Amino acid sequence: MKVLITGHNGYVGSVMARLVQAAGHEVSTIEGVAPSDEALHPLQEAFWAKHGLQCGYCTPGIIMSACAFLKEHPAPSEGEIREMLAGHLCRCTGYHFIVDAIAEAARALGASPKA
């Protein structure tokens, strides 16, 4: 599982992080990405709208990685998105729909992805 820890660049693999690393920091998981119980995060909305999820096994890790990625790359190109996804394994979608979803989320978050 991927988590976001304030003060760290990007996401942290929860099984690789020591508990002491999180002391004094805010830790965000997939359950805390949505702004409320009634609304989804733009990435979650985009994954649903663009069919970026199938079985759901890889989805939480990819969304957490994409959250951190879009904070540092608000208008990514398709190539940059694909490079970010290089460490993830999804056997259901072939990544095309996941790339589309992340690009859509970037637009929804206020930036236009590069061509």
PDB file of N, CA and C in Angstrom:
ATOM      1  N   MET A   1       0.842  -1.169   0.000  1.00  0.00           N
ATOM      2  CA  MET A   1       0.000   0.000   0.000  1.00  0.00           C
ATOM      3  C   MET A   1       0.889   1.235   0.000  1.00  0.00           C
ATOM      4  N   LYS A   2       0.476   2.230  -0.749  1.00  0.00           N
ATOM      5  CA  LYS A   2       1.178   3.505  -0.795  1.00  0.00           C
ATOM      6  C   LYS A   2       0.463   4.483   0.129  1.00  0.00           C
ATOM      7  N   VAL A   3       1.250   5.288   0.822  1.00  0.00           N
ATOM      8  CA  VAL A   3       0.689   6.332   1.682  1.00  0.00           C
ATOM      9  C   VAL A   3       1.434   7.619   1.394  1.00  0.00           C
ATOM     10  N   LEU A   4       0.797   8.730   1.671  1.00  0.00           N
ATOM     11  CA  LEU A   4       1.437  10.039   1.569  1.00  0.00           C
ATOM     12  C   LEU A   4       1.749  10.505   2.976  1.00  0.00           C
ATOM     13  N   ILE A   5       2.966  10.952   3.193  1.00  0.00           N
ATOM     14  CA  ILE A   5       3.376  11.466   4.499  1.00  0.00           C
ATOM     15  C   ILE A   5       3.860  12.890   4.293  1.00  0.00           C
ATOM     16  N   THR A   6       3.278  13.851   5.012  1.00  0.00           N
ATOM     17  CA  THR A   6       3.695  15.237   4.866  1.00  0.00           C
ATOM     18  C   THR A   6       5.179  15.358   5.169  1.00  0.00           C
ATOM     19  N   GLY A   7       5.848  16.225   4.429  1.00  0.00           N
ATOM     20  CA  GLY A   7       7.272  16.424   4.632  1.00  0.00           C
ATOM     21  C   GLY A   7       8.148  15.486   3.842  1.00  0.00           C
ATOM     22  N   HIS A   8       7.539  14.513   3.137  1.00  0.00           N
ATOM     23  CA  HIS A   8       8.296  13.583   2.292  1.00  0.00           C
ATOM     24  C   HIS A   8       7.963  13.895   0.846  1.00  0.00           C
ATOM     25  N   ASN A   9       8.928  13.732  -0.030  1.00  0.00           N
ATOM     26  CA  ASN A   9       8.678  13.896  -1.456  1.00  0.00           C
ATOM     27  C   ASN A   9       7.946  12.670  -1.971  1.00  0.00           C
ATOM     28  N   GLY A  10       6.799  12.874  -2.580  1.00  0.00           N
ATOM     29  CA  GLY A  10       6.067  11.764  -3.161  1.00  0.00           C
ATOM     30  C   GLY A  10       5.434  10.863  -2.128  1.00  0.00           C
ATOM     31  N   TYR A  11       5.175   9.649  -2.528  1.00  0.00           N
ATOM     32  CA  TYR A  11       4.525   8.678  -1.663  1.00  0.00           C
ATOM     33  C   TYR A  11       5.567   7.791  -1.010  1.00  0.00           C
ATOM     34  N   VAL A  12       5.149   7.062  -0.016  1.00  0.00           N
ATOM     35  CA  VAL A  12       6.018   6.141   0.700  1.00  0.00           C
ATOM     36  C   VAL A  12       5.337   4.782   0.702  1.00  0.00           C
ATOM     37  N   GLY A  13       6.095   3.738   0.424  1.00  0.00           N
ATOM     38  CA  GLY A  13       5.542   2.385   0.530  1.00  0.00           C
ATOM     39  C   GLY A  13       5.322   2.066   1.997  1.00  0.00           C
ATOM     40  N   SER A  14       4.099   1.809   2.382  1.00  0.00           N
ATOM     41  CA  SER A  14       3.787   1.638   3.805  1.00  0.00           C
ATOM     42  C   SER A  14       4.522   0.454   4.419  1.00  0.00           C
ATOM     43  N   VAL A  15       4.812  -0.561   3.642  1.00  0.00           N
ATOM     44  CA  VAL A  15       5.527  -1.702   4.204  1.00  0.00           C
ATOM     45  C   VAL A  15       7.030  -1.446   4.291  1.00  0.00           C
ATOM     46  N   MET A  16       7.495  -0.388   3.631  1.00  0.00           N
ATOM     47  CA  MET A  16       8.914  -0.064   3.650  1.00  0.00           C
ATOM     48  C   MET A  16       9.240   1.054   4.646  1.00  0.00           C
ATOM     49  N   ALA A  17       8.226   1.753   5.106  1.00  0.00           N
ATOM     50  CA  ALA A  17       8.448   2.888   6.009  1.00  0.00           C
ATOM     51  C   ALA A  17       8.419   2.417   7.456  1.00  0.00           C
ATOM     52  N   ARG A  18       9.257   2.999   8.241  1.00  0.00           N
ATOM     53  CA  ARG A  18       9.244   2.713   9.673  1.00  0.00           C
ATOM     54  C   ARG A  18       8.256   3.651  10.343  1.00  0.00           C
ATOM     55  N   LEU A  19       7.620   3.180  11.366  1.00  0.00           N
ATOM     56  CA  LEU A  19       6.626   3.964  12.073  1.00  0.00           C
ATOM     57  C   LEU A  19       7.198   5.288  12.561  1.00  0.00           C
ATOM     58  N   VAL A  20       8.430   5.280  13.001  1.00  0.00           N
ATOM     59  CA  VAL A  20       9.051   6.499  13.518  1.00  0.00           C
ATOM     60  C   VAL A  20       9.146   7.576  12.436  1.00  0.00           C
ATOM     61  N   GLN A  21       9.197   7.187  11.150  1.00  0.00           N
ATOM     62  CA  GLN A  21       9.241   8.157  10.064  1.00  0.00           C
ATOM     63  C   GLN A  21       7.957   8.968   9.973  1.00  0.00           C
ATOM     64  N   ALA A  22       6.871   8.427  10.441  1.00  0.00           N
ATOM     65  CA  ALA A  22       5.589   9.115  10.374  1.00  0.00           C
ATOM     66  C   ALA A  22       5.325   9.977  11.601  1.00  0.00           C
ATOM     67  N   ALA A  23       6.135   9.841  12.631  1.00  0.00           N
ATOM     68  CA  ALA A  23       5.915  10.604  13.864  1.00  0.00           C
ATOM     69  C   ALA A  23       5.912  12.102  13.574  1.00  0.00           C
ATOM     70  N   GLY A  24       4.860  12.765  13.993  1.00  0.00           N
ATOM     71  CA  GLY A  24       4.741  14.205  13.811  1.00  0.00           C
ATOM     72  C   GLY A  24       4.285  14.631  12.427  1.00  0.00           C
ATOM     73  N   HIS A  25       3.975  13.671  11.567  1.00  0.00           N
ATOM     74  CA  HIS A  25       3.537  13.975  10.211  1.00  0.00           C
ATOM     75  C   HIS A  25       2.109  13.490  10.002  1.00  0.00           C
ATOM     76  N   GLU A  26       1.453  14.056   9.031  1.00  0.00           N
ATOM     77  CA  GLU A  26       0.133  13.593   8.638  1.00  0.00           C
ATOM     78  C   GLU A  26       0.298  12.473   7.621  1.00  0.00           C
ATOM     79  N   VAL A  27      -0.406  11.383   7.815  1.00  0.00           N
ATOM     80  CA  VAL A  27      -0.351  10.241   6.908  1.00  0.00           C
ATOM     81  C   VAL A  27      -1.697  10.140   6.190  1.00  0.00           C
ATOM     82  N   SER A  28      -1.654  10.090   4.863  1.00  0.00           N
ATOM     83  CA  SER A  28      -2.879   9.959   4.071  1.00  0.00           C
ATOM     84  C   SER A  28      -2.880   8.620   3.362  1.00  0.00           C
ATOM     85  N   THR A  29      -4.006   7.946   3.411  1.00  0.00           N
ATOM     86  CA  THR A  29      -4.206   6.685   2.698  1.00  0.00           C
ATOM     87  C   THR A  29      -5.304   6.885   1.668  1.00  0.00           C
ATOM     88  N   ILE A  30      -5.583   5.874   0.885  1.00  0.00           N
ATOM     89  CA  ILE A  30      -6.627   5.972  -0.133  1.00  0.00           C
ATOM     90  C   ILE A  30      -7.975   6.346   0.487  1.00  0.00           C
ATOM     91  N   GLU A  31      -8.211   5.904   1.701  1.00  0.00           N
ATOM     92  CA  GLU A  31      -9.476   6.218   2.359  1.00  0.00           C
ATOM     93  C   GLU A  31      -9.607   7.703   2.699  1.00  0.00           C
ATOM     94  N   GLY A  32      -8.484   8.404   2.809  1.00  0.00           N
ATOM     95  CA  GLY A  32      -8.517   9.819   3.167  1.00  0.00           C
ATOM     96  C   GLY A  32      -8.319  10.767   2.004  1.00  0.00           C
ATOM     97  N   VAL A  33      -8.265  10.259   0.785  1.00  0.00           N
ATOM     98  CA  VAL A  33      -8.042  11.118  -0.379  1.00  0.00           C
ATOM     99  C   VAL A  33      -9.280  11.935  -0.717  1.00  0.00           C
ATOM    100  N   ALA A  34     -10.449  11.357  -0.597  1.00  0.00           N
ATOM    101  CA  ALA A  34     -11.686  12.059  -0.937  1.00  0.00           C
ATOM    102  C   ALA A  34     -11.916  13.226   0.018  1.00  0.00           C
ATOM    103  N   PRO A  35     -12.444  14.329  -0.500  1.00  0.00           N
ATOM    104  CA  PRO A  35     -12.674  15.492   0.349  1.00  0.00           C
ATOM    105  C   PRO A  35     -13.783  15.295   1.395  1.00  0.00           C
ATOM    106  N   SER A  36     -14.694  14.353   1.139  1.00  0.00           N
ATOM    107  CA  SER A  36     -15.774  14.082   2.096  1.00  0.00           C
ATOM    108  C   SER A  36     -16.340  12.699   1.826  1.00  0.00           C
ATOM    109  N   ASP A  37     -17.248  12.271   2.699  1.00  0.00           N
ATOM    110  CA  ASP A  37     -17.896  10.975   2.498  1.00  0.00           C
ATOM    111  C   ASP A  37     -18.839  10.988   1.294  1.00  0.00           C
ATOM    112  N   GLU A  38     -19.250  12.177   0.872  1.00  0.00           N
ATOM    113  CA  GLU A  38     -20.201  12.303  -0.233  1.00  0.00           C
ATOM    114  C   GLU A  38     -19.536  12.588  -1.571  1.00  0.00           C
ATOM    115  N   ALA A  39     -18.247  12.896  -1.580  1.00  0.00           N
ATOM    116  CA  ALA A  39     -17.568  13.274  -2.818  1.00  0.00           C
ATOM    117  C   ALA A  39     -16.269  12.488  -2.979  1.00  0.00           C
ATOM    118  N   LEU A  40     -15.875  12.316  -4.213  1.00  0.00           N
ATOM    119  CA  LEU A  40     -14.614  11.651  -4.516  1.00  0.00           C
ATOM    120  C   LEU A  40     -13.555  12.691  -4.891  1.00  0.00           C
ATOM    121  N   HIS A  41     -12.299  12.330  -4.762  1.00  0.00           N
ATOM    122  CA  HIS A  41     -11.186  13.157  -5.224  1.00  0.00           C
ATOM    123  C   HIS A  41     -11.243  13.169  -6.758  1.00  0.00           C
ATOM    124  N   PRO A  42     -10.774  14.241  -7.412  1.00  0.00           N
ATOM    125  CA  PRO A  42     -10.782  14.256  -8.876  1.00  0.00           C
ATOM    126  C   PRO A  42     -10.095  13.042  -9.520  1.00  0.00           C
ATOM    127  N   LEU A  43      -9.060  12.511  -8.892  1.00  0.00           N
ATOM    128  CA  LEU A  43      -8.438  11.296  -9.430  1.00  0.00           C
ATOM    129  C   LEU A  43      -9.386  10.109  -9.349  1.00  0.00           C
ATOM    130  N   GLN A  44     -10.078   9.971  -8.234  1.00  0.00           N
ATOM    131  CA  GLN A  44     -11.032   8.874  -8.094  1.00  0.00           C
ATOM    132  C   GLN A  44     -12.163   9.021  -9.108  1.00  0.00           C
ATOM    133  N   GLU A  45     -12.641  10.242  -9.290  1.00  0.00           N
ATOM    134  CA  GLU A  45     -13.698  10.507 -10.284  1.00  0.00           C
ATOM    135  C   GLU A  45     -13.215  10.151 -11.688  1.00  0.00           C
ATOM    136  N   ALA A  46     -11.992  10.556 -12.006  1.00  0.00           N
ATOM    137  CA  ALA A  46     -11.448  10.302 -13.341  1.00  0.00           C
ATOM    138  C   ALA A  46     -11.233   8.808 -13.583  1.00  0.00           C
ATOM    139  N   PHE A  47     -10.762   8.079 -12.570  1.00  0.00           N
ATOM    140  CA  PHE A  47     -10.583   6.635 -12.734  1.00  0.00           C
ATOM    141  C   PHE A  47     -11.930   5.973 -13.012  1.00  0.00           C
ATOM    142  N   TRP A  48     -12.967   6.431 -12.356  1.00  0.00           N
ATOM    143  CA  TRP A  48     -14.304   5.877 -12.576  1.00  0.00           C
ATOM    144  C   TRP A  48     -14.811   6.252 -13.969  1.00  0.00           C
ATOM    145  N   ALA A  49     -14.697   7.535 -14.325  1.00  0.00           N
ATOM    146  CA  ALA A  49     -15.228   8.019 -15.606  1.00  0.00           C
ATOM    147  C   ALA A  49     -14.466   7.469 -16.802  1.00  0.00           C
ATOM    148  N   LYS A  50     -13.166   7.296 -16.672  1.00  0.00           N
ATOM    149  CA  LYS A  50     -12.326   6.863 -17.799  1.00  0.00           C
ATOM    150  C   LYS A  50     -12.021   5.366 -17.786  1.00  0.00           C
ATOM    151  N   HIS A  51     -12.673   4.626 -16.918  1.00  0.00           N
ATOM    152  CA  HIS A  51     -12.503   3.167 -16.829  1.00  0.00           C
ATOM    153  C   HIS A  51     -11.060   2.786 -16.498  1.00  0.00           C
ATOM    154  N   GLY A  52     -10.450   3.550 -15.599  1.00  0.00           N
ATOM    155  CA  GLY A  52      -9.075   3.305 -15.208  1.00  0.00           C
ATOM    156  C   GLY A  52      -8.918   2.238 -14.146  1.00  0.00           C
ATOM    157  N   LEU A  53     -10.016   1.619 -13.763  1.00  0.00           N
ATOM    158  CA  LEU A  53      -9.930   0.542 -12.777  1.00  0.00           C
ATOM    159  C   LEU A  53     -10.727  -0.647 -13.274  1.00  0.00           C
ATOM    160  N   GLN A  54     -10.261  -1.786 -12.926  1.00  0.00           N
ATOM    161  CA  GLN A  54     -10.961  -3.009 -13.300  1.00  0.00           C
ATOM    162  C   GLN A  54     -11.196  -3.828 -12.030  1.00  0.00           C
ATOM    163  N   CYS A  55     -10.210  -4.611 -11.645  1.00  0.00           N
ATOM    164  CA  CYS A  55     -10.390  -5.461 -10.462  1.00  0.00           C
ATOM    165  C   CYS A  55     -10.200  -4.656  -9.174  1.00  0.00           C
ATOM    166  N   GLY A  56      -9.474  -3.549  -9.239  1.00  0.00           N
ATOM    167  CA  GLY A  56      -9.282  -2.697  -8.077  1.00  0.00           C
ATOM    168  C   GLY A  56      -8.043  -2.995  -7.252  1.00  0.00           C
ATOM    169  N   TYR A  57      -7.320  -4.047  -7.584  1.00  0.00           N
ATOM    170  CA  TYR A  57      -6.157  -4.440  -6.784  1.00  0.00           C
ATOM    171  C   TYR A  57      -5.066  -3.368  -6.794  1.00  0.00           C
ATOM    172  N   CYS A  58      -4.738  -2.826  -7.964  1.00  0.00           N
ATOM    173  CA  CYS A  58      -3.658  -1.848  -8.071  1.00  0.00           C
ATOM    174  C   CYS A  58      -4.132  -0.419  -7.876  1.00  0.00           C
ATOM    175  N   THR A  59      -5.430  -0.186  -7.921  1.00  0.00           N
ATOM    176  CA  THR A  59      -5.980   1.169  -7.933  1.00  0.00           C
ATOM    177  C   THR A  59      -5.550   2.030  -6.756  1.00  0.00           C
ATOM    178  N   PRO A  60      -5.613   1.586  -5.512  1.00  0.00           N
ATOM    179  CA  PRO A  60      -5.212   2.466  -4.405  1.00  0.00           C
ATOM    180  C   PRO A  60      -3.765   2.955  -4.519  1.00  0.00           C
ATOM    181  N   GLY A  61      -2.855   2.062  -4.858  1.00  0.00           N
ATOM    182  CA  GLY A  61      -1.453   2.454  -4.986  1.00  0.00           C
ATOM    183  C   GLY A  61      -1.233   3.431  -6.118  1.00  0.00           C
ATOM    184  N   ILE A  62      -1.890   3.194  -7.237  1.00  0.00           N
ATOM    185  CA  ILE A  62      -1.732   4.092  -8.377  1.00  0.00           C
ATOM    186  C   ILE A  62      -2.329   5.452  -8.065  1.00  0.00           C
ATOM    187  N   ILE A  63      -3.483   5.496  -7.435  1.00  0.00           N
ATOM    188  CA  ILE A  63      -4.090   6.788  -7.102  1.00  0.00           C
ATOM    189  C   ILE A  63      -3.219   7.556  -6.107  1.00  0.00           C
ATOM    190  N   MET A  64      -2.676   6.883  -5.118  1.00  0.00           N
ATOM    191  CA  MET A  64      -1.809   7.576  -4.149  1.00  0.00           C
ATOM    192  C   MET A  64      -0.549   8.095  -4.833  1.00  0.00           C
ATOM    193  N   SER A  65       0.028   7.304  -5.710  1.00  0.00           N
ATOM    194  CA  SER A  65       1.201   7.745  -6.465  1.00  0.00           C
ATOM    195  C   SER A  65       0.849   8.932  -7.357  1.00  0.00           C
ATOM    196  N   ALA A  66      -0.301   8.847  -8.008  1.00  0.00           N
ATOM    197  CA  ALA A  66      -0.724   9.930  -8.900  1.00  0.00           C
ATOM    198  C   ALA A  66      -1.015  11.210  -8.131  1.00  0.00           C
ATOM    199  N   CYS A  67      -1.546  11.103  -6.921  1.00  0.00           N
ATOM    200  CA  CYS A  67      -1.773  12.300  -6.090  1.00  0.00           C
ATOM    201  C   CYS A  67      -0.457  13.035  -5.850  1.00  0.00           C
ATOM    202  N   ALA A  68       0.555  12.298  -5.446  1.00  0.00           N
ATOM    203  CA  ALA A  68       1.870  12.903  -5.192  1.00  0.00           C
ATOM    204  C   ALA A  68       2.468  13.428  -6.498  1.00  0.00           C
ATOM    205  N   PHE A  69       2.339  12.661  -7.562  1.00  0.00           N
ATOM    206  CA  PHE A  69       2.882  13.030  -8.866  1.00  0.00           C
ATOM    207  C   PHE A  69       2.274  14.332  -9.374  1.00  0.00           C
ATOM    208  N   LEU A  70       0.949  14.461  -9.292  1.00  0.00           N
ATOM    209  CA  LEU A  70       0.285  15.649  -9.823  1.00  0.00           C
ATOM    210  C   LEU A  70       0.580  16.899  -8.996  1.00  0.00           C
ATOM    211  N   LYS A  71       0.951  16.735  -7.739  1.00  0.00           N
ATOM    212  CA  LYS A  71       1.357  17.896  -6.943  1.00  0.00           C
ATOM    213  C   LYS A  71       2.661  18.480  -7.481  1.00  0.00           C
ATOM    214  N   GLU A  72       3.542  17.618  -7.956  1.00  0.00           N
ATOM    215  CA  GLU A  72       4.827  18.081  -8.482  1.00  0.00           C
ATOM    216  C   GLU A  72       4.808  18.286  -9.995  1.00  0.00           C
ATOM    217  N   HIS A  73       3.877  17.659 -10.688  1.00  0.00           N
ATOM    218  CA  HIS A  73       3.756  17.757 -12.147  1.00  0.00           C
ATOM    219  C   HIS A  73       2.287  18.040 -12.478  1.00  0.00           C
ATOM    220  N   PRO A  74       1.820  19.260 -12.281  1.00  0.00           N
ATOM    221  CA  PRO A  74       0.394  19.551 -12.463  1.00  0.00           C
ATOM    222  C   PRO A  74      -0.105  19.465 -13.901  1.00  0.00           C
ATOM    223  N   ALA A  75       0.795  19.506 -14.879  1.00  0.00           N
ATOM    224  CA  ALA A  75       0.389  19.409 -16.282  1.00  0.00           C
ATOM    225  C   ALA A  75       1.282  18.397 -17.001  1.00  0.00           C
ATOM    226  N   PRO A  76       1.193  17.128 -16.621  1.00  0.00           N
ATOM    227  CA  PRO A  76       2.103  16.130 -17.190  1.00  0.00           C
ATOM    228  C   PRO A  76       1.766  15.749 -18.623  1.00  0.00           C
ATOM    229  N   SER A  77       2.797  15.376 -19.364  1.00  0.00           N
ATOM    230  CA  SER A  77       2.584  14.812 -20.697  1.00  0.00           C
ATOM    231  C   SER A  77       2.214  13.338 -20.535  1.00  0.00           C
ATOM    232  N   GLU A  78       1.767  12.721 -21.604  1.00  0.00           N
ATOM    233  CA  GLU A  78       1.458  11.290 -21.549  1.00  0.00           C
ATOM    234  C   GLU A  78       2.702  10.492 -21.189  1.00  0.00           C
ATOM    235  N   GLY A  79       3.840  10.881 -21.742  1.00  0.00           N
ATOM    236  CA  GLY A  79       5.089  10.187 -21.446  1.00  0.00           C
ATOM    237  C   GLY A  79       5.473  10.278 -19.984  1.00  0.00           C
ATOM    238  N   GLU A  80       5.276  11.452 -19.380  1.00  0.00           N
ATOM    239  CA  GLU A  80       5.582  11.624 -17.964  1.00  0.00           C
ATOM    240  C   GLU A  80       4.664  10.763 -17.093  1.00  0.00           C
ATOM    241  N   ILE A  81       3.399  10.682 -17.481  1.00  0.00           N
ATOM    242  CA  ILE A  81       2.459   9.835 -16.738  1.00  0.00           C
ATOM    243  C   ILE A  81       2.885   8.375 -16.847  1.00  0.00           C
ATOM    244  N   ARG A  82       3.228   7.934 -18.037  1.00  0.00           N
ATOM    245  CA  ARG A  82       3.649   6.542 -18.240  1.00  0.00           C
ATOM    246  C   ARG A  82       4.933   6.239 -17.460  1.00  0.00           C
ATOM    247  N   GLU A  83       5.843   7.202 -17.405  1.00  0.00           N
ATOM    248  CA  GLU A  83       7.074   7.001 -16.631  1.00  0.00           C
ATOM    249  C   GLU A  83       6.760   6.855 -15.148  1.00  0.00           C
ATOM    250  N   MET A  84       5.835   7.667 -14.635  1.00  0.00           N
ATOM    251  CA  MET A  84       5.436   7.565 -13.226  1.00  0.00           C
ATOM    252  C   MET A  84       4.836   6.195 -12.932  1.00  0.00           C
ATOM    253  N   LEU A  85       4.130   5.636 -13.885  1.00  0.00           N
ATOM    254  CA  LEU A  85       3.458   4.346 -13.692  1.00  0.00           C
ATOM    255  C   LEU A  85       4.403   3.149 -13.812  1.00  0.00           C
ATOM    256  N   ALA A  86       5.650   3.388 -14.177  1.00  0.00           N
ATOM    257  CA  ALA A  86       6.579   2.295 -14.444  1.00  0.00           C
ATOM    258  C   ALA A  86       6.741   1.336 -13.264  1.00  0.00           C
ATOM    259  N   GLY A  87       6.569   1.795 -12.052  1.00  0.00           N
ATOM    260  CA  GLY A  87       6.730   0.928 -10.892  1.00  0.00           C
ATOM    261  C   GLY A  87       5.475   0.194 -10.472  1.00  0.00           C
ATOM    262  N   HIS A  88       4.401   0.355 -11.229  1.00  0.00           N
ATOM    263  CA  HIS A  88       3.120  -0.275 -10.877  1.00  0.00           C
ATOM    264  C   HIS A  88       2.809  -1.420 -11.826  1.00  0.00           C
ATOM    265  N   LEU A  89       2.107  -2.403 -11.320  1.00  0.00           N
ATOM    266  CA  LEU A  89       1.698  -3.535 -12.135  1.00  0.00           C
ATOM    267  C   LEU A  89       0.180  -3.626 -12.164  1.00  0.00           C
ATOM    268  N   CYS A  90      -0.371  -3.515 -13.356  1.00  0.00           N
ATOM    269  CA  CYS A  90      -1.811  -3.682 -13.555  1.00  0.00           C
ATOM    270  C   CYS A  90      -1.982  -4.649 -14.711  1.00  0.00           C
ATOM    271  N   ARG A  91      -2.661  -5.741 -14.465  1.00  0.00           N
ATOM    272  CA  ARG A  91      -2.849  -6.740 -15.514  1.00  0.00           C
ATOM    273  C   ARG A  91      -4.203  -6.620 -16.201  1.00  0.00           C
ATOM    274  N   CYS A  92      -5.045  -5.723 -15.729  1.00  0.00           N
ATOM    275  CA  CYS A  92      -6.399  -5.641 -16.279  1.00  0.00           C
ATOM    276  C   CYS A  92      -6.556  -4.603 -17.397  1.00  0.00           C
ATOM    277  N   THR A  93      -5.957  -3.429 -17.236  1.00  0.00           N
ATOM    278  CA  THR A  93      -6.292  -2.320 -18.124  1.00  0.00           C
ATOM    279  C   THR A  93      -5.315  -2.071 -19.249  1.00  0.00           C
ATOM    280  N   GLY A  94      -4.098  -2.547 -19.152  1.00  0.00           N
ATOM    281  CA  GLY A  94      -3.106  -2.221 -20.161  1.00  0.00           C
ATOM    282  C   GLY A  94      -2.618  -0.790 -20.053  1.00  0.00           C
ATOM    283  N   TYR A  95      -2.961  -0.111 -19.000  1.00  0.00           N
ATOM    284  CA  TYR A  95      -2.502   1.239 -18.661  1.00  0.00           C
ATOM    285  C   TYR A  95      -3.113   2.366 -19.483  1.00  0.00           C
ATOM    286  N   HIS A  96      -3.638   2.090 -20.657  1.00  0.00           N
ATOM    287  CA  HIS A  96      -4.181   3.165 -21.495  1.00  0.00           C
ATOM    288  C   HIS A  96      -5.240   3.971 -20.749  1.00  0.00           C
ATOM    289  N   PHE A  97      -6.187   3.283 -20.136  1.00  0.00           N
ATOM    290  CA  PHE A  97      -7.260   3.970 -19.426  1.00  0.00           C
ATOM    291  C   PHE A  97      -6.751   4.658 -18.157  1.00  0.00           C
ATOM    292  N   ILE A  98      -5.730   4.092 -17.534  1.00  0.00           N
ATOM    293  CA  ILE A  98      -5.141   4.709 -16.344  1.00  0.00           C
ATOM    294  C   ILE A  98      -4.456   6.009 -16.732  1.00  0.00           C
ATOM    295  N   VAL A  99      -3.725   6.010 -17.837  1.00  0.00           N
ATOM    296  CA  VAL A  99      -3.077   7.237 -18.321  1.00  0.00           C
ATOM    297  C   VAL A  99      -4.133   8.290 -18.635  1.00  0.00           C
ATOM    298  N   ASP A 100      -5.203   7.887 -19.316  1.00  0.00           N
ATOM    299  CA  ASP A 100      -6.303   8.814 -19.621  1.00  0.00           C
ATOM    300  C   ASP A 100      -6.905   9.395 -18.345  1.00  0.00           C
ATOM    301  N   ALA A 101      -7.075   8.554 -17.338  1.00  0.00           N
ATOM    302  CA  ALA A 101      -7.671   9.009 -16.082  1.00  0.00           C
ATOM    303  C   ALA A 101      -6.782  10.028 -15.374  1.00  0.00           C
ATOM    304  N   ILE A 102      -5.486   9.792 -15.347  1.00  0.00           N
ATOM    305  CA  ILE A 102      -4.574  10.729 -14.685  1.00  0.00           C
ATOM    306  C   ILE A 102      -4.524  12.048 -15.447  1.00  0.00           C
ATOM    307  N   ALA A 103      -4.522  11.991 -16.777  1.00  0.00           N
ATOM    308  CA  ALA A 103      -4.554  13.214 -17.584  1.00  0.00           C
ATOM    309  C   ALA A 103      -5.847  13.986 -17.336  1.00  0.00           C
ATOM    310  N   GLU A 104      -6.962  13.273 -17.254  1.00  0.00           N
ATOM    311  CA  GLU A 104      -8.255  13.913 -16.974  1.00  0.00           C
ATOM    312  C   GLU A 104      -8.254  14.554 -15.593  1.00  0.00           C
ATOM    313  N   ALA A 105      -7.683  13.881 -14.611  1.00  0.00           N
ATOM    314  CA  ALA A 105      -7.606  14.431 -13.260  1.00  0.00           C
ATOM    315  C   ALA A 105      -6.745  15.693 -13.244  1.00  0.00           C
ATOM    316  N   ALA A 106      -5.656  15.696 -14.000  1.00  0.00           N
ATOM    317  CA  ALA A 106      -4.810  16.890 -14.086  1.00  0.00           C
ATOM    318  C   ALA A 106      -5.618  18.061 -14.625  1.00  0.00           C
ATOM    319  N   ARG A 107      -6.424  17.814 -15.654  1.00  0.00           N
ATOM    320  CA  ARG A 107      -7.289  18.873 -16.198  1.00  0.00           C
ATOM    321  C   ARG A 107      -8.302  19.323 -15.149  1.00  0.00           C
ATOM    322  N   ALA A 108      -8.898  18.368 -14.462  1.00  0.00           N
ATOM    323  CA  ALA A 108      -9.918  18.701 -13.450  1.00  0.00           C
ATOM    324  C   ALA A 108      -9.308  19.472 -12.276  1.00  0.00           C
ATOM    325  N   LEU A 109      -8.050  19.216 -11.991  1.00  0.00           N
ATOM    326  CA  LEU A 109      -7.381  19.912 -10.892  1.00  0.00           C
ATOM    327  C   LEU A 109      -6.883  21.289 -11.322  1.00  0.00           C
ATOM    328  N   GLY A 110      -7.139  21.666 -12.567  1.00  0.00           N
ATOM    329  CA  GLY A 110      -6.850  23.022 -12.989  1.00  0.00           C
ATOM    330  C   GLY A 110      -5.690  23.225 -13.936  1.00  0.00           C
ATOM    331  N   ALA A 111      -5.132  22.157 -14.465  1.00  0.00           N
ATOM    332  CA  ALA A 111      -4.025  22.294 -15.400  1.00  0.00           C
ATOM    333  C   ALA A 111      -4.347  21.538 -16.664  1.00  0.00           C
ATOM    334  N   SER A 112      -3.785  21.962 -17.754  1.00  0.00           N
ATOM    335  CA  SER A 112      -3.958  21.269 -19.025  1.00  0.00           C
ATOM    336  C   SER A 112      -2.711  20.452 -19.308  1.00  0.00           C
ATOM    337  N   PRO A 113      -2.834  19.127 -19.396  1.00  0.00           N
ATOM    338  CA  PRO A 113      -1.661  18.308 -19.697  1.00  0.00           C
ATOM    339  C   PRO A 113      -1.025  18.698 -21.019  1.00  0.00           C
ATOM    340  N   LYS A 114       0.298  18.512 -21.102  1.00  0.00           N
ATOM    341  CA  LYS A 114       1.038  18.784 -22.334  1.00  0.00           C
ATOM    342  C   LYS A 114       0.642  17.773 -23.388  1.00  0.00           C
ATOM    343  N   ALA A 115       0.742  18.173 -24.626  1.00  0.00           N
ATOM    344  CA  ALA A 115       0.419  17.268 -25.733  1.00  0.00           C
ATOM    345  C   ALA A 115       1.485  16.220 -25.905  1.00  0.00           C
TER     346      ALA A 115
END
